[in-house]
Amino acid sequence: MDDILKMDVRLVERMIASGELKLEEYEKHLKSLRNVAAEADNVEASLADRGASLHDDAKKK
């Protein structure tokens, strides 16, 4: 398996449990990642943005 897929957060627990990835290797990878938090944009969203309403579920019942 490609090394980058082994580090995928959706697969990493499975990879460690199966022995395909060592926990120490994963921790080393995490420490090597650059902190880009300062470059992030703040995004606000709500269910209303998607046309949903809190009352939609109540109407269906």
N, C-alpha and C. Protein backbone atom coordinates (compact mmCIF):
# COMPACT_ATOMS: atom_id res chain seq x y z
N MET A 1 0.85 -1.19 0.00
CA MET A 1 0.00 0.00 0.00
C MET A 1 0.89 1.23 0.00
N ASP A 2 0.45 2.24 -0.70
CA ASP A 2 1.16 3.51 -0.77
C ASP A 2 1.32 4.09 0.64
N ASP A 3 2.51 4.62 0.96
CA ASP A 3 2.78 5.15 2.30
C ASP A 3 1.83 6.27 2.69
N ILE A 4 1.45 7.10 1.74
CA ILE A 4 0.55 8.21 2.05
C ILE A 4 -0.83 7.70 2.47
N LEU A 5 -1.28 6.59 1.90
CA LEU A 5 -2.57 6.01 2.30
C LEU A 5 -2.50 5.42 3.70
N LYS A 6 -1.36 4.90 4.09
CA LYS A 6 -1.21 4.36 5.44
C LYS A 6 -1.43 5.45 6.49
N MET A 7 -1.11 6.68 6.15
CA MET A 7 -1.22 7.80 7.09
C MET A 7 -2.60 8.46 7.05
N ASP A 8 -3.48 8.02 6.18
CA ASP A 8 -4.82 8.58 6.08
C ASP A 8 -5.55 8.38 7.40
N VAL A 9 -6.11 9.45 7.97
CA VAL A 9 -6.76 9.36 9.28
C VAL A 9 -7.90 8.36 9.30
N ARG A 10 -8.48 8.08 8.14
CA ARG A 10 -9.58 7.12 8.08
C ARG A 10 -9.08 5.68 8.13
N LEU A 11 -7.80 5.47 7.87
CA LEU A 11 -7.24 4.12 7.80
C LEU A 11 -6.19 3.83 8.85
N VAL A 12 -5.65 4.85 9.48
CA VAL A 12 -4.48 4.67 10.32
C VAL A 12 -4.70 3.68 11.47
N GLU A 13 -5.84 3.69 12.11
CA GLU A 13 -6.09 2.75 13.21
C GLU A 13 -6.04 1.31 12.69
N ARG A 14 -6.63 1.07 11.55
CA ARG A 14 -6.63 -0.25 10.94
C ARG A 14 -5.21 -0.67 10.56
N MET A 15 -4.43 0.26 10.02
CA MET A 15 -3.05 -0.03 9.61
C MET A 15 -2.19 -0.39 10.82
N ILE A 16 -2.38 0.32 11.93
CA ILE A 16 -1.62 0.04 13.15
C ILE A 16 -2.05 -1.31 13.73
N ALA A 17 -3.36 -1.55 13.77
CA ALA A 17 -3.86 -2.81 14.33
C ALA A 17 -3.39 -4.02 13.52
N SER A 18 -3.28 -3.86 12.21
CA SER A 18 -2.87 -4.98 11.37
C SER A 18 -1.35 -5.15 11.31
N GLY A 19 -0.63 -4.17 11.86
CA GLY A 19 0.82 -4.25 11.85
C GLY A 19 1.45 -3.68 10.60
N GLU A 20 0.64 -3.15 9.69
CA GLU A 20 1.17 -2.55 8.46
C GLU A 20 1.84 -1.20 8.73
N LEU A 21 1.55 -0.61 9.87
CA LEU A 21 2.12 0.67 10.25
C LEU A 21 2.43 0.63 11.74
N LYS A 22 3.60 1.08 12.11
CA LYS A 22 3.97 1.13 13.52
C LYS A 22 3.51 2.46 14.10
N LEU A 23 3.05 2.43 15.33
CA LEU A 23 2.59 3.64 16.00
C LEU A 23 3.69 4.70 16.03
N GLU A 24 4.91 4.28 16.28
CA GLU A 24 6.04 5.21 16.31
C GLU A 24 6.23 5.88 14.95
N GLU A 25 6.04 5.13 13.88
CA GLU A 25 6.16 5.69 12.53
C GLU A 25 5.08 6.75 12.29
N TYR A 26 3.87 6.47 12.75
CA TYR A 26 2.77 7.41 12.59
C TYR A 26 3.02 8.68 13.40
N GLU A 27 3.48 8.51 14.64
CA GLU A 27 3.77 9.68 15.49
C GLU A 27 4.88 10.53 14.87
N LYS A 28 5.89 9.89 14.30
CA LYS A 28 6.97 10.62 13.64
C LYS A 28 6.41 11.42 12.46
N HIS A 29 5.50 10.79 11.70
CA HIS A 29 4.86 11.47 10.57
C HIS A 29 4.09 12.70 11.04
N LEU A 30 3.32 12.56 12.11
CA LEU A 30 2.53 13.69 12.63
C LEU A 30 3.43 14.84 13.06
N LYS A 31 4.54 14.52 13.71
CA LYS A 31 5.46 15.57 14.15
C LYS A 31 6.12 16.28 12.97
N SER A 32 6.22 15.60 11.84
CA SER A 32 6.88 16.19 10.67
C SER A 32 5.97 17.14 9.89
N LEU A 33 4.67 17.12 10.19
CA LEU A 33 3.73 17.96 9.46
C LEU A 33 3.88 19.42 9.87
N ARG A 34 3.76 20.29 8.91
CA ARG A 34 3.88 21.72 9.12
C ARG A 34 2.56 22.25 9.69
N ASN A 35 2.63 23.14 10.67
CA ASN A 35 1.45 23.76 11.25
C ASN A 35 1.00 24.90 10.34
N VAL A 36 -0.14 24.74 9.71
CA VAL A 36 -0.65 25.75 8.78
C VAL A 36 -1.89 26.45 9.32
N ALA A 37 -2.11 26.37 10.62
CA ALA A 37 -3.30 26.96 11.22
C ALA A 37 -3.39 28.46 10.95
N ALA A 38 -2.27 29.14 10.94
CA ALA A 38 -2.28 30.59 10.72
C ALA A 38 -2.70 30.95 9.30
N GLU A 39 -2.61 30.00 8.38
CA GLU A 39 -2.96 30.24 6.99
C GLU A 39 -4.42 29.91 6.67
N ALA A 40 -5.13 29.37 7.65
CA ALA A 40 -6.51 28.94 7.42
C ALA A 40 -7.47 30.11 7.40
N ASP A 41 -8.54 29.96 6.65
CA ASP A 41 -9.61 30.94 6.63
C ASP A 41 -10.75 30.45 7.51
N ASN A 42 -11.40 31.36 8.20
CA ASN A 42 -12.54 31.01 9.03
C ASN A 42 -13.77 30.95 8.13
N VAL A 43 -14.52 29.86 8.22
CA VAL A 43 -15.71 29.69 7.39
C VAL A 43 -16.90 29.45 8.31
N GLU A 44 -17.95 30.19 8.07
CA GLU A 44 -19.18 30.01 8.84
C GLU A 44 -20.24 29.41 7.94
N ALA A 45 -20.96 28.46 8.46
CA ALA A 45 -22.02 27.82 7.69
C ALA A 45 -23.14 27.40 8.64
N SER A 46 -24.31 27.24 8.09
CA SER A 46 -25.43 26.75 8.89
C SER A 46 -26.29 25.87 8.00
N LEU A 47 -27.18 25.13 8.61
CA LEU A 47 -28.09 24.28 7.84
C LEU A 47 -28.97 25.12 6.92
N ALA A 48 -29.24 26.33 7.33
CA ALA A 48 -30.09 27.20 6.52
C ALA A 48 -29.41 27.53 5.19
N ASP A 49 -28.08 27.54 5.17
CA ASP A 49 -27.35 27.79 3.93
C ASP A 49 -27.64 26.72 2.89
N ARG A 50 -28.04 25.55 3.32
CA ARG A 50 -28.29 24.44 2.42
C ARG A 50 -29.79 24.23 2.19
N GLY A 51 -30.60 25.14 2.67
CA GLY A 51 -32.04 25.04 2.47
C GLY A 51 -32.73 24.17 3.50
N ALA A 52 -32.00 23.72 4.50
CA ALA A 52 -32.58 22.87 5.53
C ALA A 52 -33.12 23.73 6.67
N SER A 53 -34.01 23.16 7.40
CA SER A 53 -34.60 23.87 8.53
C SER A 53 -34.71 22.91 9.70
N LEU A 54 -34.60 23.44 10.89
CA LEU A 54 -34.77 22.60 12.08
C LEU A 54 -36.20 22.08 12.15
N HIS A 55 -37.11 22.75 11.49
CA HIS A 55 -38.51 22.37 11.54
C HIS A 55 -38.88 21.33 10.47
N ASP A 56 -38.00 21.09 9.50
CA ASP A 56 -38.28 20.12 8.43
C ASP A 56 -38.54 18.73 8.99
N ASP A 57 -37.74 18.29 9.97
CA ASP A 57 -37.91 16.96 10.55
C ASP A 57 -39.25 16.84 11.27
N ALA A 58 -39.66 17.90 11.96
CA ALA A 58 -40.91 17.87 12.71
C ALA A 58 -42.10 17.76 11.76
N LYS A 59 -42.00 18.39 10.59
CA LYS A 59 -43.10 18.33 9.61
C LYS A 59 -43.27 16.93 9.03
N LYS A 60 -42.19 16.17 8.94
CA LYS A 60 -42.26 14.83 8.36
C LYS A 60 -42.94 13.83 9.29
N LYS A 61 -42.96 14.13 10.60
CA LYS A 61 -43.51 13.15 11.58
C LYS A 61 -44.98 13.22 11.69
